[in-house]
Amino acid sequence: MKSNKKIHFEVSERKILLKGFDIICVLLALYCVSSLFDFKYFTFSTTNFYWTIVLAFYLHVFGSVFEMYNLQTSSNQFQIIKSIILTSSTTVLFYLLTPIYTPVLPSNRLQIIFFFLAIFMALLLWRIFYVKFLASHRFFKNAILVCDKEQLQELISGLQSADPHYKIIGFVNSDGEDSFDINMPGTVNIKTDDLEYYVRNNSISEIVIASQKTEGITVSLYNQLIHLLENGITIKEYTQVYENLTQRIPVQYVSRDFYRYFPFSRSNQNQLYLLITRLIEIVFSLIGLLIGLCFLPLILIGNLIGNRGNLFYVQDRVGQNGQVFKIFKYRTMVKNAEANGAVFTKLNDKRITPFGKFMRKTRLDEFPQFINILKGDMAIIGPRPERPVFVQEIASVMPFYETRHIIKPGLTGWAQVNYAYGDSMEDSLVKLQYDLYYIKHRSIFLDINITIKTFSTVLFYRGQ
């Protein structure tokens, strides 16, 4: 069978492309500036090769912090300009302030301007080219979905909201009914017998199977899928595609026998990993408490004027293995905020004081939790601990919810850096999907990713 699939970059390939060309363009720009102008601050030679490594490292770290590699941001020309300005400025600043690993500060200030402009213009021109000529064309991926018709709209929106370049252009109904109105612009209803012909003539990259009814996969459909597979067409199961695109576990589409779907990361039982992370947690907690002491005078004054209550707030939370512990926080709400019983904190909750809102946005209210980390009740990274009353309520409708408690709760987590706010059962389900993804893929690399994203969350004032 002749295939006319278009070239398509996967999500991970896009990020590698962005990171690689950011560094290549910056280094190329610096080489051109040093060749054309009297620019001596950054030069290339075998004796100072580590200057290049340090610069590439700074670009990668600060680019991640300021969301240069967020695919939604990278595809938006106005958002990426803001990220480029912040990344360029911070990279240059840190590079200039670390002359042990970088060139000695130049006596001629014009050298610094050349250095900044070379980095800024290289990133700006490359990213404008990316937005104009790559993001809008090369990254579209055409797929066909095989599922029950009542699931169609929910399944398509779940995939395309995660990656706008992922297009479900065709649908095969596994209920047996071939012709009906699906009311989904851009998605056509494909008759079962026409599947192979449609794939061959419409640049299809992959077929996604989401039917939960095995009897819906007829002999005719099965034979066509096998033939397409033999001819190089990728066929995937829906939960696998959903997890890769959203970096969440789609618990609503898997059975209660979840161990078949997401075997937990070996890091959860790796004693070396657990020992290293525990040592890092102790060091970070001590540093965090010292930094917290620096903010204490501001917090004392703000609490006295704005909150008018006890400085500390102690509350029961559910920790590892379902054990309840006392969590410490700075007060952000009015006194007797739960006189009528426990309720979810809502967006623009009137119980939160103006100073409390500032504390939550900047995450200053979280500093006392370093005490919980030192005690061993919490970790730096993990699912956020919830109150026992809410755990019982949510677990009664979400059978996977208690799975969060197989590891320690965290000060920050995968859900916190990827999901802005949640005050309902639907939001709790989304957060649960992120938490289970972390438990499944837990590693030092994911921990570093979360740490960088946490800095981004604080810097962009996205606290809850």
Protein backbone atom coordinates (compact mmCIF):
# COMPACT_ATOMS: atom_id res chain seq x y z
CA MET A 1 0.00 0.00 0.00
CA LYS A 2 1.38 3.40 -0.96
CA SER A 3 1.63 5.76 2.02
CA ASN A 4 1.45 9.53 1.65
CA LYS A 5 1.81 10.45 5.29
CA LYS A 6 3.15 13.95 5.90
CA ILE A 7 6.21 14.59 8.01
CA HIS A 8 5.11 15.21 11.58
CA PHE A 9 7.05 16.13 14.72
CA GLU A 10 5.93 14.56 17.99
CA VAL A 11 5.65 16.68 21.16
CA SER A 12 9.01 15.50 22.51
CA GLU A 13 10.64 16.08 19.11
CA ARG A 14 9.28 19.62 18.99
CA LYS A 15 10.80 20.42 22.38
CA ILE A 16 14.17 18.98 21.35
CA LEU A 17 13.97 21.04 18.15
CA LEU A 18 13.30 24.23 20.10
CA LYS A 19 16.06 23.62 22.67
CA GLY A 20 18.63 22.58 20.07
CA PHE A 21 18.04 25.47 17.70
CA ASP A 22 17.90 28.01 20.55
CA ILE A 23 21.47 27.08 21.46
CA ILE A 24 22.68 26.76 17.84
CA CYS A 25 21.24 30.15 16.83
CA VAL A 26 22.67 31.92 19.89
CA LEU A 27 26.15 30.47 19.34
CA LEU A 28 26.00 31.27 15.63
CA ALA A 29 24.96 34.86 16.41
CA LEU A 30 27.82 35.27 18.90
CA TYR A 31 30.29 33.94 16.33
CA CYS A 32 29.04 36.39 13.69
CA VAL A 33 29.18 39.32 16.13
CA SER A 34 32.73 38.44 17.19
CA SER A 35 33.75 38.21 13.52
CA LEU A 36 32.10 41.42 12.30
CA PHE A 37 32.55 43.72 15.29
CA ASP A 38 35.12 44.46 17.98
CA PHE A 39 33.50 41.93 20.33
CA LYS A 40 36.02 40.10 22.52
CA TYR A 41 33.96 39.12 25.57
CA PHE A 42 32.80 35.74 24.22
CA THR A 43 35.16 33.98 21.82
CA PHE A 44 35.40 30.38 20.63
CA SER A 45 38.54 28.32 21.25
CA THR A 46 39.60 24.91 22.55
CA THR A 47 40.82 26.44 25.81
CA ASN A 48 37.51 28.07 26.76
CA PHE A 49 35.04 25.49 25.43
CA TYR A 50 33.37 25.35 28.86
CA TRP A 51 32.10 28.92 28.30
CA THR A 52 29.84 27.47 25.62
CA ILE A 53 28.63 24.66 27.89
CA VAL A 54 27.76 27.09 30.70
CA LEU A 55 25.91 29.41 28.30
CA ALA A 56 23.93 26.48 26.84
CA PHE A 57 23.08 25.32 30.36
CA TYR A 58 21.83 28.77 31.41
CA LEU A 59 19.75 29.07 28.24
CA HIS A 60 18.15 25.69 28.88
CA VAL A 61 17.40 26.32 32.57
CA PHE A 62 16.06 29.87 32.25
CA GLY A 63 14.27 29.04 29.02
CA SER A 64 12.43 26.31 30.93
CA VAL A 65 11.66 28.63 33.86
CA PHE A 66 10.24 31.31 31.56
CA GLU A 67 8.27 28.77 29.48
CA MET A 68 10.26 28.99 26.25
CA TYR A 69 9.57 25.28 25.72
CA ASN A 70 5.89 25.32 26.56
CA LEU A 71 4.38 24.42 23.18
CA GLN A 72 1.32 26.65 23.65
CA THR A 73 3.56 29.61 24.52
CA SER A 74 6.00 28.80 21.71
CA SER A 75 3.21 28.91 19.13
CA ASN A 76 1.98 32.34 20.29
CA GLN A 77 4.07 35.21 18.92
CA PHE A 78 3.22 37.70 21.68
CA GLN A 79 3.73 35.31 24.59
CA ILE A 80 7.05 34.04 23.24
CA ILE A 81 8.45 37.59 22.93
CA LYS A 82 7.86 38.10 26.66
CA SER A 83 9.58 34.78 27.40
CA ILE A 84 12.53 35.70 25.14
CA ILE A 85 13.05 39.03 26.91
CA LEU A 86 13.03 37.38 30.34
CA THR A 87 15.23 34.46 29.26
CA SER A 88 17.79 36.67 27.50
CA SER A 89 18.01 39.15 30.36
CA THR A 90 18.35 36.51 33.08
CA THR A 91 20.83 34.42 31.10
CA VAL A 92 23.08 37.43 30.47
CA LEU A 93 22.83 38.55 34.10
CA PHE A 94 23.79 35.16 35.53
CA TYR A 95 26.50 34.67 32.90
CA LEU A 96 28.09 37.99 33.84
CA LEU A 97 27.87 37.26 37.56
CA THR A 98 29.64 33.87 37.40
CA PRO A 99 33.11 34.80 36.07
CA ILE A 100 34.61 31.67 37.61
CA TYR A 101 32.99 29.58 34.86
CA THR A 102 32.51 32.39 32.34
CA PRO A 103 34.68 35.18 30.83
CA VAL A 104 35.97 37.95 33.10
CA LEU A 105 33.67 40.97 33.19
CA PRO A 106 34.57 43.32 30.33
CA SER A 107 35.82 46.81 31.13
CA ASN A 108 34.03 48.13 28.04
CA ARG A 109 30.29 48.21 28.79
CA LEU A 110 29.55 48.10 25.06
CA GLN A 111 30.68 44.45 25.09
CA ILE A 112 27.76 43.61 27.43
CA ILE A 113 25.28 45.29 25.07
CA PHE A 114 26.68 43.31 22.12
CA PHE A 115 26.38 40.10 24.17
CA PHE A 116 22.77 40.76 25.16
CA LEU A 117 21.64 41.85 21.69
CA ALA A 118 23.26 38.83 20.03
CA ILE A 119 21.40 36.43 22.34
CA PHE A 120 18.11 38.35 22.20
CA MET A 121 18.04 38.80 18.41
CA ALA A 122 19.09 35.20 17.74
CA LEU A 123 16.26 33.85 19.88
CA LEU A 124 13.75 36.38 18.54
CA LEU A 125 14.43 35.74 14.84
CA TRP A 126 14.52 31.95 15.22
CA ARG A 127 11.30 31.86 17.22
CA ILE A 128 9.48 34.18 14.80
CA PHE A 129 10.53 31.82 11.99
CA TYR A 130 9.28 28.88 14.07
CA VAL A 131 5.86 30.46 14.66
CA LYS A 132 5.41 31.59 11.06
CA PHE A 133 6.70 28.62 9.10
CA LEU A 134 6.88 25.55 11.36
CA ALA A 135 4.31 25.61 14.15
CA SER A 136 1.43 26.29 11.77
CA HIS A 137 2.29 23.65 9.12
CA ARG A 138 4.68 20.85 9.99
CA PHE A 139 3.19 19.86 13.33
CA PHE A 140 -0.34 18.90 12.30
CA LYS A 141 -1.04 15.23 12.81
CA ASN A 142 -4.09 13.65 11.17
CA ALA A 143 -5.65 10.73 13.03
CA ILE A 144 -8.70 8.50 12.87
CA LEU A 145 -10.62 7.56 16.01
CA VAL A 146 -12.39 4.21 16.44
CA CYS A 147 -14.86 4.45 19.31
CA ASP A 148 -18.51 4.34 20.37
CA LYS A 149 -20.46 7.29 18.98
CA GLU A 150 -21.61 8.54 22.41
CA GLN A 151 -17.94 8.95 23.42
CA LEU A 152 -16.88 10.81 20.29
CA GLN A 153 -17.15 14.45 21.33
CA GLU A 154 -15.55 13.96 24.75
CA LEU A 155 -12.67 11.89 23.37
CA ILE A 156 -11.86 14.33 20.56
CA SER A 157 -11.95 17.39 22.82
CA GLY A 158 -9.69 15.59 25.32
CA LEU A 159 -7.00 15.04 22.69
CA GLN A 160 -7.20 18.28 20.73
CA SER A 161 -7.28 20.52 23.82
CA ALA A 162 -3.94 19.00 24.85
CA ASP A 163 -2.36 19.49 21.43
CA PRO A 164 -4.13 21.79 18.93
CA HIS A 165 -1.99 20.23 16.16
CA TYR A 166 -3.48 16.81 16.78
CA LYS A 167 -6.49 16.53 14.46
CA ILE A 168 -9.10 13.78 14.51
CA ILE A 169 -10.29 14.10 10.91
CA GLY A 170 -12.15 10.80 10.71
CA PHE A 171 -14.26 8.57 12.95
CA VAL A 172 -15.27 4.92 12.72
CA ASN A 173 -18.24 3.97 14.87
CA SER A 174 -17.65 0.73 16.75
CA ASP A 175 -21.35 0.48 17.65
CA GLY A 176 -22.09 -1.00 14.23
CA GLU A 177 -24.09 1.91 12.83
CA ASP A 178 -22.20 3.33 9.84
CA SER A 179 -24.14 6.43 8.78
CA PHE A 180 -25.38 9.16 11.12
CA ASP A 181 -24.83 12.87 11.80
CA ILE A 182 -21.97 13.44 14.23
CA ASN A 183 -22.17 17.27 14.29
CA MET A 184 -18.38 17.61 14.62
CA PRO A 185 -16.93 20.12 12.10
CA GLY A 186 -13.70 18.83 10.58
CA THR A 187 -14.43 15.19 11.48
CA VAL A 188 -16.10 12.85 8.98
CA ASN A 189 -17.94 9.62 9.64
CA ILE A 190 -16.08 6.78 7.87
CA LYS A 191 -17.89 3.59 7.01
CA THR A 192 -16.15 0.51 8.35
CA ASP A 193 -15.54 -0.97 4.91
CA ASP A 194 -14.03 2.32 3.67
CA LEU A 195 -11.41 2.71 6.41
CA GLU A 196 -8.42 1.43 4.44
CA TYR A 197 -9.27 3.52 1.38
CA TYR A 198 -9.71 6.67 3.51
CA VAL A 199 -6.36 6.18 5.27
CA ARG A 200 -4.57 5.68 1.96
CA ASN A 201 -5.92 8.92 0.49
CA ASN A 202 -5.90 11.39 3.43
CA SER A 203 -2.36 11.47 4.89
CA ILE A 204 -3.33 9.70 8.10
CA SER A 205 -0.55 9.44 10.69
CA GLU A 206 -2.21 7.05 13.13
CA ILE A 207 -5.39 5.28 14.15
CA VAL A 208 -6.57 5.49 17.75
CA ILE A 209 -8.70 2.69 19.22
CA ALA A 210 -10.96 3.84 22.07
CA SER A 211 -13.83 1.38 21.90
CA GLN A 212 -14.57 -0.36 25.21
CA LYS A 213 -16.83 -2.87 23.44
CA THR A 214 -14.73 -5.65 21.96
CA GLU A 215 -17.66 -6.88 19.91
CA GLY A 216 -17.57 -3.52 18.08
CA ILE A 217 -14.29 -4.53 16.43
CA THR A 218 -15.82 -6.66 13.65
CA VAL A 219 -13.90 -9.16 11.54
CA SER A 220 -13.91 -6.71 8.63
CA LEU A 221 -12.62 -3.84 10.77
CA TYR A 222 -10.03 -6.07 12.45
CA ASN A 223 -8.66 -7.32 9.11
CA GLN A 224 -8.37 -3.75 7.80
CA LEU A 225 -6.52 -2.65 10.94
CA ILE A 226 -4.07 -5.54 10.59
CA HIS A 227 -3.51 -4.71 6.93
CA LEU A 228 -2.90 -1.03 7.76
CA LEU A 229 -0.51 -2.01 10.54
CA GLU A 230 1.44 -4.22 8.12
CA ASN A 231 1.75 -1.25 5.77
CA GLY A 232 3.30 1.06 8.34
CA ILE A 233 0.28 2.86 9.79
CA THR A 234 0.61 3.42 13.56
CA ILE A 235 -2.26 2.04 15.66
CA LYS A 236 -2.48 3.05 19.32
CA GLU A 237 -4.83 2.63 22.26
CA TYR A 238 -6.59 5.82 23.38
CA THR A 239 -5.25 5.91 26.95
CA GLN A 240 -1.69 5.65 25.61
CA VAL A 241 -2.20 8.60 23.24
CA TYR A 242 -3.99 10.65 25.90
CA GLU A 243 -1.20 10.09 28.43
CA ASN A 244 1.53 11.03 25.94
CA LEU A 245 -0.20 14.24 24.88
CA THR A 246 -1.55 15.49 28.22
CA GLN A 247 0.98 13.93 30.65
CA ARG A 248 -1.99 12.78 32.70
CA ILE A 249 -3.49 9.36 33.39
CA PRO A 250 -7.04 9.15 31.91
CA VAL A 251 -8.58 7.33 34.86
CA GLN A 252 -12.10 7.88 33.54
CA TYR A 253 -11.32 5.58 30.60
CA VAL A 254 -9.64 2.69 32.38
CA SER A 255 -11.15 -0.03 34.49
CA ARG A 256 -10.71 -0.42 38.25
CA ASP A 257 -7.96 -2.94 37.54
CA PHE A 258 -5.59 0.01 37.19
CA TYR A 259 -2.38 -1.94 37.79
CA ARG A 260 -2.59 -3.12 34.17
CA TYR A 261 -2.66 0.45 32.92
CA PHE A 262 -0.11 2.33 34.97
CA PRO A 263 2.52 0.23 36.74
CA PHE A 264 4.13 2.47 39.33
CA SER A 265 7.61 3.91 38.87
CA ARG A 266 10.46 1.85 40.30
CA SER A 267 11.70 5.04 41.95
CA ASN A 268 8.92 4.61 44.54
CA GLN A 269 10.84 1.60 45.94
CA ASN A 270 14.38 2.59 44.90
CA GLN A 271 16.20 3.05 48.22
CA LEU A 272 19.06 5.05 46.67
CA TYR A 273 16.62 7.45 44.99
CA LEU A 274 14.62 7.80 48.22
CA LEU A 275 17.78 8.41 50.27
CA ILE A 276 19.09 11.06 47.87
CA THR A 277 15.75 12.85 47.68
CA ARG A 278 15.45 12.77 51.49
CA LEU A 279 18.89 14.38 51.91
CA ILE A 280 17.99 17.01 49.31
CA GLU A 281 14.69 17.65 51.11
CA ILE A 282 16.48 18.27 54.42
CA VAL A 283 18.93 20.71 52.82
CA PHE A 284 16.20 22.54 50.92
CA SER A 285 13.99 22.69 54.01
CA LEU A 286 16.74 24.31 56.08
CA ILE A 287 17.41 26.82 53.29
CA GLY A 288 13.66 27.42 52.92
CA LEU A 289 13.23 28.12 56.64
CA LEU A 290 16.15 30.57 56.58
CA ILE A 291 14.62 32.38 53.60
CA GLY A 292 11.26 32.32 55.40
CA LEU A 293 12.83 34.10 58.38
CA CYS A 294 13.83 36.93 56.05
CA PHE A 295 10.17 37.43 55.06
CA LEU A 296 8.87 37.00 58.63
CA PRO A 297 8.80 40.74 59.54
CA LEU A 298 6.71 41.49 56.42
CA ILE A 299 4.41 38.56 57.17
CA LEU A 300 3.99 39.59 60.82
CA ILE A 301 3.01 43.14 59.87
CA GLY A 302 0.71 41.96 57.06
CA ASN A 303 -0.97 39.40 59.31
CA LEU A 304 -1.45 41.97 62.08
CA ILE A 305 -3.07 44.49 59.75
CA GLY A 306 -4.70 42.32 57.10
CA ASN A 307 -5.60 39.00 58.76
CA ARG A 308 -6.05 39.90 62.44
CA GLY A 309 -5.71 36.36 63.68
CA ASN A 310 -3.13 33.83 64.76
CA LEU A 311 -0.07 33.87 62.53
CA PHE A 312 0.05 30.09 62.05
CA TYR A 313 -2.77 27.89 60.87
CA VAL A 314 -2.73 24.17 61.75
CA GLN A 315 -4.92 21.68 59.93
CA ASP A 316 -5.33 17.91 59.57
CA ARG A 317 -4.20 16.47 56.23
CA VAL A 318 -3.95 12.93 54.86
CA GLY A 319 -0.39 11.77 54.22
CA GLN A 320 1.40 8.66 53.01
CA ASN A 321 -0.51 5.38 53.55
CA GLY A 322 -3.55 7.37 54.67
CA GLN A 323 -1.93 8.59 57.89
CA VAL A 324 -3.30 11.91 59.16
CA PHE A 325 -0.78 14.61 60.16
CA LYS A 326 -0.84 18.28 61.17
CA ILE A 327 0.15 20.68 58.40
CA PHE A 328 1.53 24.15 59.17
CA LYS A 329 0.66 27.22 57.13
CA TYR A 330 0.52 30.97 57.53
CA ARG A 331 -3.02 32.25 57.97
CA THR A 332 -4.59 33.60 54.79
CA MET A 333 -8.29 33.61 55.71
CA VAL A 334 -10.48 35.51 58.14
CA LYS A 335 -11.03 34.02 61.59
CA ASN A 336 -13.75 31.35 61.84
CA ALA A 337 -13.67 30.90 58.07
CA GLU A 338 -15.25 27.45 58.38
CA ALA A 339 -17.84 28.17 61.03
CA ASN A 340 -20.46 26.54 58.79
CA GLY A 341 -18.33 23.49 57.97
CA ALA A 342 -15.48 22.57 55.64
CA VAL A 343 -15.83 23.67 52.01
CA PHE A 344 -13.46 23.77 49.03
CA THR A 345 -11.53 27.01 48.59
CA LYS A 346 -12.98 28.73 45.55
CA LEU A 347 -11.51 31.16 43.04
CA ASN A 348 -11.85 34.68 44.51
CA ASP A 349 -13.01 33.16 47.80
CA LYS A 350 -14.34 35.96 50.02
CA ARG A 351 -12.88 34.26 53.12
CA ILE A 352 -9.36 35.00 51.86
CA THR A 353 -8.08 38.39 53.04
CA PRO A 354 -6.33 40.75 50.59
CA PHE A 355 -2.99 40.06 52.29
CA GLY A 356 -3.85 36.35 52.29
CA LYS A 357 -4.39 36.48 48.53
CA PHE A 358 -0.93 38.01 48.12
CA MET A 359 0.52 35.26 50.34
CA ARG A 360 -1.13 32.53 48.27
CA LYS A 361 -0.12 34.00 44.91
CA THR A 362 3.51 34.28 45.97
CA ARG A 363 3.43 30.95 47.89
CA LEU A 364 4.70 32.68 51.04
CA ASP A 365 1.98 30.93 53.05
CA GLU A 366 3.67 27.59 52.25
CA PHE A 367 7.00 28.32 54.02
CA PRO A 368 5.98 26.73 57.38
CA GLN A 369 5.49 23.43 55.54
CA PHE A 370 9.27 23.07 55.44
CA ILE A 371 8.79 22.05 59.09
CA ASN A 372 6.52 19.21 57.91
CA ILE A 373 9.19 18.18 55.42
CA LEU A 374 11.89 18.11 58.10
CA LYS A 375 9.60 15.98 60.28
CA GLY A 376 9.10 13.53 57.40
CA ASP A 377 5.34 14.08 57.02
CA MET A 378 5.80 15.61 53.58
CA ALA A 379 8.22 15.68 50.67
CA ILE A 380 9.31 18.57 48.47
CA ILE A 381 7.55 17.01 45.46
CA GLY A 382 4.41 14.90 45.52
CA PRO A 383 0.60 15.14 45.42
CA ARG A 384 -0.71 17.99 47.54
CA PRO A 385 -2.14 16.67 50.84
CA GLU A 386 -5.90 16.95 51.18
CA ARG A 387 -8.14 17.17 54.26
CA PRO A 388 -9.67 13.91 55.57
CA VAL A 389 -13.26 15.09 55.03
CA PHE A 390 -12.56 15.90 51.37
CA VAL A 391 -10.60 12.67 50.85
CA GLN A 392 -13.63 10.64 51.96
CA GLU A 393 -15.95 12.71 49.79
CA ILE A 394 -13.80 12.52 46.64
CA ALA A 395 -12.80 8.86 47.10
CA SER A 396 -16.47 7.87 47.23
CA VAL A 397 -16.90 8.98 43.60
CA MET A 398 -13.33 8.48 42.30
CA PRO A 399 -12.10 4.91 42.88
CA PHE A 400 -8.48 5.85 42.05
CA TYR A 401 -8.20 8.75 44.47
CA GLU A 402 -6.67 6.84 47.38
CA THR A 403 -3.81 5.80 45.07
CA ARG A 404 -2.29 9.26 45.68
CA HIS A 405 -1.38 8.18 49.20
CA ILE A 406 1.16 5.51 48.25
CA ILE A 407 3.84 8.24 48.33
CA LYS A 408 4.37 11.23 50.60
CA PRO A 409 2.41 14.39 49.81
CA GLY A 410 4.49 17.29 48.55
CA LEU A 411 5.01 21.02 48.90
CA THR A 412 4.71 21.23 45.11
CA GLY A 413 3.75 18.64 42.52
CA TRP A 414 3.00 17.79 38.90
CA ALA A 415 -0.65 18.84 39.31
CA GLN A 416 0.27 22.18 40.90
CA VAL A 417 2.61 23.25 38.08
CA ASN A 418 0.30 22.10 35.26
CA TYR A 419 -3.19 22.98 36.51
CA ALA A 420 -3.95 26.52 37.59
CA TYR A 421 -6.87 26.14 40.02
CA GLY A 422 -9.46 23.65 41.19
CA ASP A 423 -12.54 24.03 43.35
CA SER A 424 -14.84 21.22 42.18
CA MET A 425 -15.02 17.45 41.72
CA GLU A 426 -14.17 17.88 38.03
CA ASP A 427 -11.04 19.82 38.94
CA SER A 428 -10.11 17.19 41.51
CA LEU A 429 -10.32 14.55 38.77
CA VAL A 430 -7.91 16.51 36.56
CA LYS A 431 -5.48 16.94 39.47
CA LEU A 432 -5.75 13.23 40.22
CA GLN A 433 -4.78 12.44 36.63
CA TYR A 434 -1.62 14.54 37.00
CA ASP A 435 -0.80 13.03 40.41
CA LEU A 436 -1.08 9.48 39.05
CA TYR A 437 1.12 10.43 36.10
CA TYR A 438 3.80 11.55 38.58
CA ILE A 439 3.49 8.33 40.58
CA LYS A 440 3.81 6.30 37.39
CA HIS A 441 6.77 8.24 35.93
CA ARG A 442 8.47 9.44 39.10
CA SER A 443 12.19 10.07 38.50
CA ILE A 444 14.94 12.57 39.22
CA PHE A 445 14.40 14.12 35.77
CA LEU A 446 10.67 14.65 36.40
CA ASP A 447 11.51 16.09 39.83
CA ILE A 448 13.88 18.60 38.22
CA ASN A 449 11.19 19.48 35.66
CA ILE A 450 8.67 20.14 38.46
CA THR A 451 11.21 22.24 40.39
CA ILE A 452 11.84 24.44 37.35
CA LYS A 453 8.12 24.77 36.65
CA THR A 454 7.53 25.72 40.29
CA PHE A 455 9.91 28.68 39.92
CA SER A 456 7.97 29.63 36.79
CA THR A 457 4.67 29.43 38.71
CA VAL A 458 5.96 31.74 41.45
CA LEU A 459 7.60 34.21 39.04
CA PHE A 460 4.45 34.52 36.94
CA TYR A 461 2.32 34.96 40.09
CA ARG A 462 0.13 31.89 39.52
CA GLY A 463 -0.20 30.64 43.09
CA GLN A 464 -3.56 29.55 44.42
